[in-house]
Amino acid sequence: MRIGVVIGSVWATRKEPKLEGLKLLIVAPLDYKMKGNTTREPYIAADVVDAGIGDRVLIVNGNPARYAVGTSVPIDAAIVGVIDDTVLSNLESFQ
């Protein structure tokens, strides 16, 4: 799983029929300090938990993403949780 923040939405009038009804959001990756991860580009994820712009979210990629939505859906990433809060302990060991 990865952590990210929703920064936008995607609308597509023409798309693969299996994507019908899915909300597609643009997610910017966050690092473990909940700051922007500059080593990774934002990407599009299918939303299965009704996240919105500004929400910090949990994202799964690959097969777990397809299972979250439906095994035959052609997606790469899915938002599977909205983060309420995080707690880090012994943060100095990661710096």
N, C-alpha and C. Protein backbone atom coordinates (compact mmCIF):
# COMPACT_ATOMS: atom_id res chain seq x y z
N MET A 1 0.84 -1.18 0.00
CA MET A 1 0.00 0.00 0.00
C MET A 1 0.88 1.24 0.00
N ARG A 2 0.32 2.29 -0.53
CA ARG A 2 0.99 3.58 -0.56
C ARG A 2 0.06 4.63 0.04
N ILE A 3 0.65 5.78 0.40
CA ILE A 3 -0.13 6.90 0.91
C ILE A 3 -0.04 8.02 -0.10
N GLY A 4 -1.16 8.70 -0.32
CA GLY A 4 -1.17 9.82 -1.24
C GLY A 4 -2.23 10.82 -0.84
N VAL A 5 -2.28 11.92 -1.59
CA VAL A 5 -3.31 12.93 -1.39
C VAL A 5 -4.00 13.17 -2.73
N VAL A 6 -5.33 13.25 -2.69
CA VAL A 6 -6.10 13.46 -3.91
C VAL A 6 -5.97 14.93 -4.32
N ILE A 7 -5.52 15.15 -5.57
CA ILE A 7 -5.31 16.52 -6.04
C ILE A 7 -6.21 16.90 -7.21
N GLY A 8 -7.01 15.97 -7.71
CA GLY A 8 -7.87 16.30 -8.83
C GLY A 8 -8.73 15.13 -9.28
N SER A 9 -9.56 15.40 -10.28
CA SER A 9 -10.46 14.40 -10.84
C SER A 9 -10.21 14.26 -12.33
N VAL A 10 -10.63 13.13 -12.88
CA VAL A 10 -10.54 12.88 -14.32
C VAL A 10 -11.93 12.51 -14.81
N TRP A 11 -12.35 13.14 -15.90
CA TRP A 11 -13.59 12.78 -16.56
C TRP A 11 -13.26 12.29 -17.95
N ALA A 12 -13.87 11.21 -18.36
CA ALA A 12 -13.67 10.67 -19.71
C ALA A 12 -15.02 10.25 -20.26
N THR A 13 -15.44 10.86 -21.35
CA THR A 13 -16.73 10.50 -21.93
C THR A 13 -16.64 9.21 -22.72
N ARG A 14 -15.46 8.92 -23.27
CA ARG A 14 -15.24 7.66 -24.00
C ARG A 14 -14.17 6.88 -23.27
N LYS A 15 -14.52 5.67 -22.85
CA LYS A 15 -13.57 4.84 -22.11
C LYS A 15 -13.98 3.38 -22.21
N GLU A 16 -13.11 2.52 -21.75
CA GLU A 16 -13.39 1.08 -21.67
C GLU A 16 -14.70 0.89 -20.91
N PRO A 17 -15.63 0.12 -21.45
CA PRO A 17 -16.93 -0.07 -20.79
C PRO A 17 -16.84 -0.56 -19.34
N LYS A 18 -15.82 -1.33 -19.01
CA LYS A 18 -15.69 -1.83 -17.63
C LYS A 18 -15.35 -0.72 -16.65
N LEU A 19 -14.95 0.45 -17.14
CA LEU A 19 -14.65 1.59 -16.27
C LEU A 19 -15.88 2.45 -15.99
N GLU A 20 -17.00 2.13 -16.63
CA GLU A 20 -18.23 2.89 -16.42
C GLU A 20 -18.61 2.86 -14.94
N GLY A 21 -18.96 4.01 -14.41
CA GLY A 21 -19.39 4.10 -13.02
C GLY A 21 -18.27 4.27 -12.01
N LEU A 22 -17.01 4.17 -12.44
CA LEU A 22 -15.89 4.35 -11.53
C LEU A 22 -15.47 5.81 -11.49
N LYS A 23 -15.24 6.33 -10.28
CA LYS A 23 -14.71 7.68 -10.14
C LYS A 23 -13.19 7.59 -10.23
N LEU A 24 -12.61 8.38 -11.12
CA LEU A 24 -11.16 8.39 -11.31
C LEU A 24 -10.58 9.67 -10.73
N LEU A 25 -9.60 9.52 -9.84
CA LEU A 25 -9.00 10.67 -9.16
C LEU A 25 -7.50 10.72 -9.42
N ILE A 26 -6.95 11.93 -9.39
CA ILE A 26 -5.51 12.13 -9.53
C ILE A 26 -4.92 12.16 -8.12
N VAL A 27 -3.92 11.32 -7.88
CA VAL A 27 -3.32 11.18 -6.56
C VAL A 27 -1.84 11.55 -6.62
N ALA A 28 -1.41 12.42 -5.70
CA ALA A 28 0.00 12.75 -5.55
C ALA A 28 0.57 11.92 -4.41
N PRO A 29 1.64 11.17 -4.65
CA PRO A 29 2.23 10.34 -3.59
C PRO A 29 2.77 11.19 -2.44
N LEU A 30 2.69 10.64 -1.23
CA LEU A 30 3.27 11.27 -0.04
C LEU A 30 4.36 10.37 0.50
N ASP A 31 5.34 10.97 1.19
CA ASP A 31 6.37 10.17 1.85
C ASP A 31 5.90 9.82 3.26
N TYR A 32 6.74 9.15 4.03
CA TYR A 32 6.33 8.70 5.36
C TYR A 32 6.10 9.86 6.33
N LYS A 33 6.58 11.05 6.02
CA LYS A 33 6.34 12.23 6.87
C LYS A 33 5.07 12.97 6.45
N MET A 34 4.31 12.38 5.50
CA MET A 34 3.08 12.96 4.97
C MET A 34 3.36 14.24 4.18
N LYS A 35 4.54 14.32 3.59
CA LYS A 35 4.90 15.43 2.71
C LYS A 35 4.95 14.91 1.29
N GLY A 36 4.91 15.80 0.32
CA GLY A 36 4.95 15.40 -1.08
C GLY A 36 6.18 14.58 -1.40
N ASN A 37 6.01 13.51 -2.13
CA ASN A 37 7.10 12.65 -2.56
C ASN A 37 7.54 13.10 -3.94
N THR A 38 8.65 13.82 -4.02
CA THR A 38 9.08 14.41 -5.28
C THR A 38 9.71 13.39 -6.22
N THR A 39 9.94 12.17 -5.77
CA THR A 39 10.54 11.15 -6.64
C THR A 39 9.49 10.44 -7.48
N ARG A 40 8.22 10.64 -7.20
CA ARG A 40 7.16 9.97 -7.95
C ARG A 40 6.17 10.98 -8.51
N GLU A 41 5.73 10.72 -9.72
CA GLU A 41 4.75 11.58 -10.39
C GLU A 41 3.33 11.26 -9.88
N PRO A 42 2.43 12.24 -9.91
CA PRO A 42 1.03 11.93 -9.61
C PRO A 42 0.48 10.91 -10.62
N TYR A 43 -0.53 10.16 -10.21
CA TYR A 43 -1.12 9.17 -11.09
C TYR A 43 -2.61 9.08 -10.85
N ILE A 44 -3.29 8.33 -11.70
CA ILE A 44 -4.74 8.20 -11.63
C ILE A 44 -5.09 6.90 -10.92
N ALA A 45 -6.06 6.97 -10.02
CA ALA A 45 -6.51 5.79 -9.28
C ALA A 45 -8.04 5.75 -9.28
N ALA A 46 -8.59 4.55 -9.36
CA ALA A 46 -10.03 4.36 -9.25
C ALA A 46 -10.42 4.46 -7.78
N ASP A 47 -11.46 5.21 -7.49
CA ASP A 47 -11.89 5.43 -6.11
C ASP A 47 -13.03 4.48 -5.76
N VAL A 48 -12.83 3.64 -4.73
CA VAL A 48 -13.89 2.74 -4.29
C VAL A 48 -14.42 3.10 -2.90
N VAL A 49 -13.93 4.21 -2.32
CA VAL A 49 -14.34 4.58 -0.96
C VAL A 49 -14.90 6.00 -0.87
N ASP A 50 -15.19 6.62 -2.00
CA ASP A 50 -15.77 7.97 -2.05
C ASP A 50 -14.84 9.03 -1.44
N ALA A 51 -13.58 8.99 -1.84
CA ALA A 51 -12.62 10.02 -1.42
C ALA A 51 -12.88 11.30 -2.21
N GLY A 52 -12.31 12.39 -1.73
CA GLY A 52 -12.47 13.66 -2.41
C GLY A 52 -11.17 14.43 -2.46
N ILE A 53 -11.17 15.52 -3.18
CA ILE A 53 -9.96 16.34 -3.32
C ILE A 53 -9.52 16.83 -1.94
N GLY A 54 -8.23 16.67 -1.67
CA GLY A 54 -7.66 17.06 -0.38
C GLY A 54 -7.55 15.93 0.61
N ASP A 55 -8.23 14.82 0.37
CA ASP A 55 -8.17 13.67 1.29
C ASP A 55 -6.84 12.95 1.16
N ARG A 56 -6.28 12.56 2.31
CA ARG A 56 -5.13 11.64 2.31
C ARG A 56 -5.70 10.24 2.22
N VAL A 57 -5.12 9.42 1.34
CA VAL A 57 -5.73 8.14 1.03
C VAL A 57 -4.71 7.00 1.02
N LEU A 58 -5.23 5.77 1.16
CA LEU A 58 -4.45 4.55 0.99
C LEU A 58 -4.70 4.03 -0.41
N ILE A 59 -3.62 3.69 -1.11
CA ILE A 59 -3.72 3.23 -2.48
C ILE A 59 -3.08 1.87 -2.61
N VAL A 60 -3.71 0.98 -3.39
CA VAL A 60 -3.10 -0.30 -3.74
C VAL A 60 -2.88 -0.30 -5.25
N ASN A 61 -1.86 -1.03 -5.68
CA ASN A 61 -1.50 -1.08 -7.09
C ASN A 61 -1.53 -2.52 -7.61
N GLY A 62 -1.65 -2.66 -8.93
CA GLY A 62 -1.57 -3.97 -9.56
C GLY A 62 -2.78 -4.84 -9.27
N ASN A 63 -2.53 -6.14 -9.06
CA ASN A 63 -3.63 -7.08 -8.82
C ASN A 63 -4.50 -6.70 -7.63
N PRO A 64 -3.95 -6.24 -6.50
CA PRO A 64 -4.83 -5.83 -5.40
C PRO A 64 -5.81 -4.73 -5.81
N ALA A 65 -5.39 -3.84 -6.70
CA ALA A 65 -6.29 -2.78 -7.17
C ALA A 65 -7.44 -3.39 -7.98
N ARG A 66 -7.12 -4.33 -8.84
CA ARG A 66 -8.17 -4.97 -9.63
C ARG A 66 -9.14 -5.74 -8.73
N TYR A 67 -8.65 -6.38 -7.69
CA TYR A 67 -9.53 -7.10 -6.77
C TYR A 67 -10.42 -6.14 -6.00
N ALA A 68 -9.91 -4.94 -5.69
CA ALA A 68 -10.71 -3.97 -4.95
C ALA A 68 -11.91 -3.49 -5.76
N VAL A 69 -11.76 -3.47 -7.08
CA VAL A 69 -12.82 -2.97 -7.95
C VAL A 69 -13.59 -4.11 -8.61
N GLY A 70 -12.89 -5.15 -8.98
CA GLY A 70 -13.46 -6.28 -9.72
C GLY A 70 -12.36 -6.85 -10.59
N THR A 71 -12.16 -8.13 -10.57
CA THR A 71 -10.95 -8.73 -11.16
C THR A 71 -10.77 -8.48 -12.65
N SER A 72 -11.82 -8.16 -13.39
CA SER A 72 -11.65 -7.98 -14.83
C SER A 72 -11.58 -6.50 -15.24
N VAL A 73 -11.48 -5.60 -14.27
CA VAL A 73 -11.44 -4.17 -14.57
C VAL A 73 -10.00 -3.76 -14.89
N PRO A 74 -9.78 -3.05 -16.01
CA PRO A 74 -8.42 -2.69 -16.41
C PRO A 74 -7.89 -1.44 -15.69
N ILE A 75 -7.49 -1.60 -14.43
CA ILE A 75 -6.93 -0.48 -13.67
C ILE A 75 -5.59 -0.87 -13.09
N ASP A 76 -4.82 0.14 -12.74
CA ASP A 76 -3.49 -0.02 -12.18
C ASP A 76 -3.44 0.33 -10.70
N ALA A 77 -4.34 1.23 -10.26
CA ALA A 77 -4.32 1.71 -8.88
C ALA A 77 -5.75 1.94 -8.40
N ALA A 78 -5.98 1.68 -7.11
CA ALA A 78 -7.29 1.91 -6.51
C ALA A 78 -7.13 2.54 -5.14
N ILE A 79 -7.99 3.49 -4.84
CA ILE A 79 -8.04 4.10 -3.51
C ILE A 79 -8.93 3.21 -2.66
N VAL A 80 -8.36 2.67 -1.57
CA VAL A 80 -9.11 1.72 -0.74
C VAL A 80 -9.35 2.22 0.68
N GLY A 81 -8.90 3.42 1.00
CA GLY A 81 -9.13 3.96 2.33
C GLY A 81 -8.87 5.45 2.37
N VAL A 82 -9.61 6.14 3.24
CA VAL A 82 -9.36 7.56 3.51
C VAL A 82 -8.74 7.64 4.90
N ILE A 83 -7.57 8.28 4.99
CA ILE A 83 -6.81 8.33 6.24
C ILE A 83 -7.37 9.42 7.14
N ASP A 84 -7.70 9.05 8.39
CA ASP A 84 -8.15 10.03 9.37
C ASP A 84 -6.98 10.65 10.11
N ASP A 85 -6.00 9.82 10.48
CA ASP A 85 -4.86 10.30 11.27
C ASP A 85 -3.72 9.32 11.12
N THR A 86 -2.50 9.78 11.40
CA THR A 86 -1.32 8.91 11.40
C THR A 86 -0.48 9.23 12.62
N VAL A 87 0.24 8.22 13.10
CA VAL A 87 1.15 8.39 14.22
C VAL A 87 2.46 7.71 13.86
N LEU A 88 3.56 8.45 13.97
CA LEU A 88 4.89 7.88 13.73
C LEU A 88 5.65 7.87 15.03
N SER A 89 6.35 6.76 15.30
CA SER A 89 7.19 6.70 16.49
C SER A 89 8.64 6.55 16.05
N ASN A 90 9.56 7.04 16.85
CA ASN A 90 11.00 6.94 16.57
C ASN A 90 11.34 7.47 15.18
N LEU A 91 10.84 8.65 14.86
CA LEU A 91 11.00 9.24 13.56
C LEU A 91 12.46 9.50 13.22
N GLU A 92 13.29 9.75 14.21
CA GLU A 92 14.70 10.05 13.97
C GLU A 92 15.43 8.91 13.28
N SER A 93 15.01 7.68 13.48
CA SER A 93 15.70 6.54 12.87
C SER A 93 15.51 6.49 11.36
N PHE A 94 14.55 7.25 10.83
CA PHE A 94 14.31 7.27 9.40
C PHE A 94 15.00 8.43 8.69
N GLN A 95 15.61 9.32 9.42
CA GLN A 95 16.20 10.50 8.80
C GLN A 95 17.64 10.29 8.45
